[in-house]
């Protein structure tokens, strides 16, 4: 049985990154945070969000 990666919606990403859901979507649209759009939802992999958060913290943006 394959282990599926945890998938998050914009509101979950916003909580992790301490921003608004609209800001999370903007990051995805700009290509700064990997995501895909399925219907009306933007979906993010947990690992990608954590990688972005770590990169942002290392740059001193948090």
N, C-alpha and C. Protein backbone atom coordinates (compact mmCIF):
# COMPACT_ATOMS: atom_id res chain seq x y z
N UNK A 1 0.84 -1.18 0.00
CA UNK A 1 0.00 0.00 0.00
C UNK A 1 0.89 1.24 0.00
N UNK A 2 0.64 2.16 -0.94
CA UNK A 2 1.45 3.37 -1.06
C UNK A 2 1.03 4.38 0.00
N UNK A 3 2.02 5.08 0.52
CA UNK A 3 1.77 6.11 1.52
C UNK A 3 1.55 7.43 0.81
N UNK A 4 0.32 7.96 0.85
CA UNK A 4 0.02 9.22 0.17
C UNK A 4 0.56 10.39 0.99
N UNK A 5 1.16 11.34 0.30
CA UNK A 5 1.65 12.54 0.96
C UNK A 5 0.45 13.36 1.44
N UNK A 6 0.61 14.02 2.56
CA UNK A 6 -0.47 14.83 3.12
C UNK A 6 -0.70 16.04 2.23
N UNK A 7 -1.94 16.26 1.85
CA UNK A 7 -2.31 17.37 0.98
C UNK A 7 -3.07 18.41 1.81
N UNK A 8 -2.71 19.67 1.62
CA UNK A 8 -3.31 20.76 2.38
C UNK A 8 -4.04 21.73 1.47
N UNK A 9 -5.03 22.42 2.03
CA UNK A 9 -5.71 23.50 1.32
C UNK A 9 -5.09 24.82 1.75
N UNK A 10 -5.45 25.88 1.07
CA UNK A 10 -4.87 27.21 1.31
C UNK A 10 -5.01 27.67 2.76
N UNK A 11 -6.14 27.37 3.39
CA UNK A 11 -6.33 27.83 4.78
C UNK A 11 -5.36 27.12 5.72
N UNK A 12 -5.05 25.85 5.43
CA UNK A 12 -4.09 25.11 6.25
C UNK A 12 -2.68 25.66 6.06
N UNK A 13 -2.34 25.96 4.81
CA UNK A 13 -1.03 26.53 4.50
C UNK A 13 -0.90 27.90 5.17
N UNK A 14 -1.95 28.68 5.12
CA UNK A 14 -1.93 30.01 5.74
C UNK A 14 -1.65 29.91 7.23
N UNK A 15 -2.23 28.93 7.88
CA UNK A 15 -2.00 28.73 9.31
C UNK A 15 -0.54 28.38 9.58
N UNK A 16 0.04 27.52 8.77
CA UNK A 16 1.43 27.09 8.95
C UNK A 16 2.39 28.26 8.70
N UNK A 17 2.10 29.05 7.65
CA UNK A 17 3.00 30.14 7.27
C UNK A 17 2.67 31.47 7.94
N UNK A 18 1.62 31.49 8.75
CA UNK A 18 1.18 32.70 9.43
C UNK A 18 0.91 33.82 8.42
N UNK A 19 0.04 33.52 7.46
CA UNK A 19 -0.36 34.49 6.46
C UNK A 19 -1.84 34.24 6.15
N UNK A 20 -2.38 35.00 5.22
CA UNK A 20 -3.77 34.78 4.84
C UNK A 20 -3.85 33.71 3.76
N UNK A 21 -5.00 33.08 3.59
CA UNK A 21 -5.15 32.11 2.51
C UNK A 21 -4.89 32.74 1.13
N UNK A 22 -5.28 34.00 0.98
CA UNK A 22 -5.02 34.70 -0.28
C UNK A 22 -3.53 34.86 -0.53
N UNK A 23 -2.75 35.09 0.51
CA UNK A 23 -1.30 35.17 0.37
C UNK A 23 -0.71 33.83 -0.03
N UNK A 24 -1.23 32.75 0.51
CA UNK A 24 -0.77 31.41 0.14
C UNK A 24 -1.05 31.14 -1.34
N UNK A 25 -2.21 31.55 -1.81
CA UNK A 25 -2.56 31.38 -3.22
C UNK A 25 -1.64 32.23 -4.09
N UNK A 26 -1.35 33.44 -3.65
CA UNK A 26 -0.46 34.32 -4.40
C UNK A 26 0.94 33.71 -4.53
N UNK A 27 1.43 33.09 -3.46
CA UNK A 27 2.72 32.41 -3.51
C UNK A 27 2.70 31.29 -4.55
N UNK A 28 1.59 30.58 -4.63
CA UNK A 28 1.46 29.50 -5.61
C UNK A 28 1.40 30.06 -7.03
N UNK A 29 0.63 31.10 -7.21
CA UNK A 29 0.50 31.71 -8.55
C UNK A 29 1.83 32.26 -9.05
N UNK A 30 2.64 32.80 -8.14
CA UNK A 30 3.94 33.36 -8.50
C UNK A 30 5.01 32.28 -8.68
N UNK A 31 4.67 31.04 -8.30
CA UNK A 31 5.62 29.94 -8.43
C UNK A 31 6.61 29.85 -7.29
N UNK A 32 6.37 30.56 -6.21
CA UNK A 32 7.26 30.51 -5.06
C UNK A 32 6.97 29.31 -4.16
N UNK A 33 5.76 28.81 -4.24
CA UNK A 33 5.34 27.66 -3.44
C UNK A 33 4.61 26.69 -4.38
N UNK A 34 5.10 25.46 -4.45
CA UNK A 34 4.48 24.48 -5.34
C UNK A 34 3.07 24.16 -4.91
N UNK A 35 2.16 24.17 -5.87
CA UNK A 35 0.76 23.85 -5.62
C UNK A 35 0.09 23.51 -6.95
N UNK A 36 -1.07 22.93 -6.85
CA UNK A 36 -1.85 22.67 -8.06
C UNK A 36 -3.30 23.06 -7.78
N UNK A 37 -3.99 23.44 -8.81
CA UNK A 37 -5.38 23.82 -8.65
C UNK A 37 -6.27 22.70 -9.17
N UNK A 38 -7.17 22.27 -8.32
CA UNK A 38 -8.16 21.26 -8.69
C UNK A 38 -9.53 21.85 -8.41
N UNK A 39 -10.24 22.16 -9.47
CA UNK A 39 -11.53 22.82 -9.32
C UNK A 39 -11.32 24.20 -8.74
N UNK A 40 -11.99 24.48 -7.64
CA UNK A 40 -11.83 25.80 -7.02
C UNK A 40 -10.78 25.81 -5.90
N UNK A 41 -10.16 24.68 -5.65
CA UNK A 41 -9.20 24.58 -4.54
C UNK A 41 -7.75 24.54 -5.01
N UNK A 42 -6.91 25.22 -4.28
CA UNK A 42 -5.47 25.10 -4.44
C UNK A 42 -5.01 24.04 -3.46
N UNK A 43 -4.22 23.08 -3.93
CA UNK A 43 -3.74 21.99 -3.08
C UNK A 43 -2.22 22.01 -3.01
N UNK A 44 -1.71 21.82 -1.82
CA UNK A 44 -0.27 21.90 -1.54
C UNK A 44 0.15 20.62 -0.83
N UNK A 45 1.34 20.15 -1.11
CA UNK A 45 1.89 19.02 -0.36
C UNK A 45 2.55 19.56 0.90
N UNK A 46 2.30 18.88 2.00
CA UNK A 46 2.84 19.29 3.29
C UNK A 46 4.36 19.48 3.23
N UNK A 47 5.05 18.55 2.58
CA UNK A 47 6.52 18.62 2.49
C UNK A 47 6.97 19.89 1.77
N UNK A 48 6.25 20.29 0.72
CA UNK A 48 6.60 21.51 -0.02
C UNK A 48 6.40 22.75 0.85
N UNK A 49 5.33 22.75 1.63
CA UNK A 49 5.06 23.90 2.51
C UNK A 49 6.14 24.01 3.58
N UNK A 50 6.52 22.89 4.15
CA UNK A 50 7.55 22.92 5.19
C UNK A 50 8.91 23.32 4.61
N UNK A 51 9.19 22.88 3.39
CA UNK A 51 10.44 23.26 2.72
C UNK A 51 10.46 24.77 2.48
N UNK A 52 9.33 25.33 2.03
CA UNK A 52 9.24 26.76 1.80
C UNK A 52 9.39 27.53 3.11
N UNK A 53 8.75 27.04 4.17
CA UNK A 53 8.84 27.70 5.47
C UNK A 53 10.28 27.72 5.99
N UNK A 54 10.98 26.61 5.83
CA UNK A 54 12.37 26.53 6.27
C UNK A 54 13.25 27.48 5.46
N UNK A 55 13.02 27.52 4.16
CA UNK A 55 13.79 28.41 3.27
C UNK A 55 13.54 29.87 3.65
N UNK A 56 12.27 30.20 3.92
CA UNK A 56 11.92 31.58 4.30
C UNK A 56 12.53 31.96 5.64
N UNK A 57 12.54 31.01 6.57
CA UNK A 57 13.13 31.28 7.90
C UNK A 57 14.64 31.49 7.78
N UNK A 58 15.29 30.71 6.92
CA UNK A 58 16.74 30.84 6.73
C UNK A 58 17.08 32.19 6.11
N UNK A 59 16.16 32.72 5.31
CA UNK A 59 16.39 34.02 4.67
C UNK A 59 16.04 35.17 5.62
N UNK A 60 15.54 34.85 6.81
CA UNK A 60 15.19 35.86 7.79
C UNK A 60 13.88 36.58 7.53
N UNK A 61 12.99 35.93 6.77
CA UNK A 61 11.71 36.55 6.45
C UNK A 61 10.62 36.24 7.45
N UNK A 62 10.87 35.41 8.46
CA UNK A 62 9.83 35.06 9.41
C UNK A 62 9.98 35.82 10.69
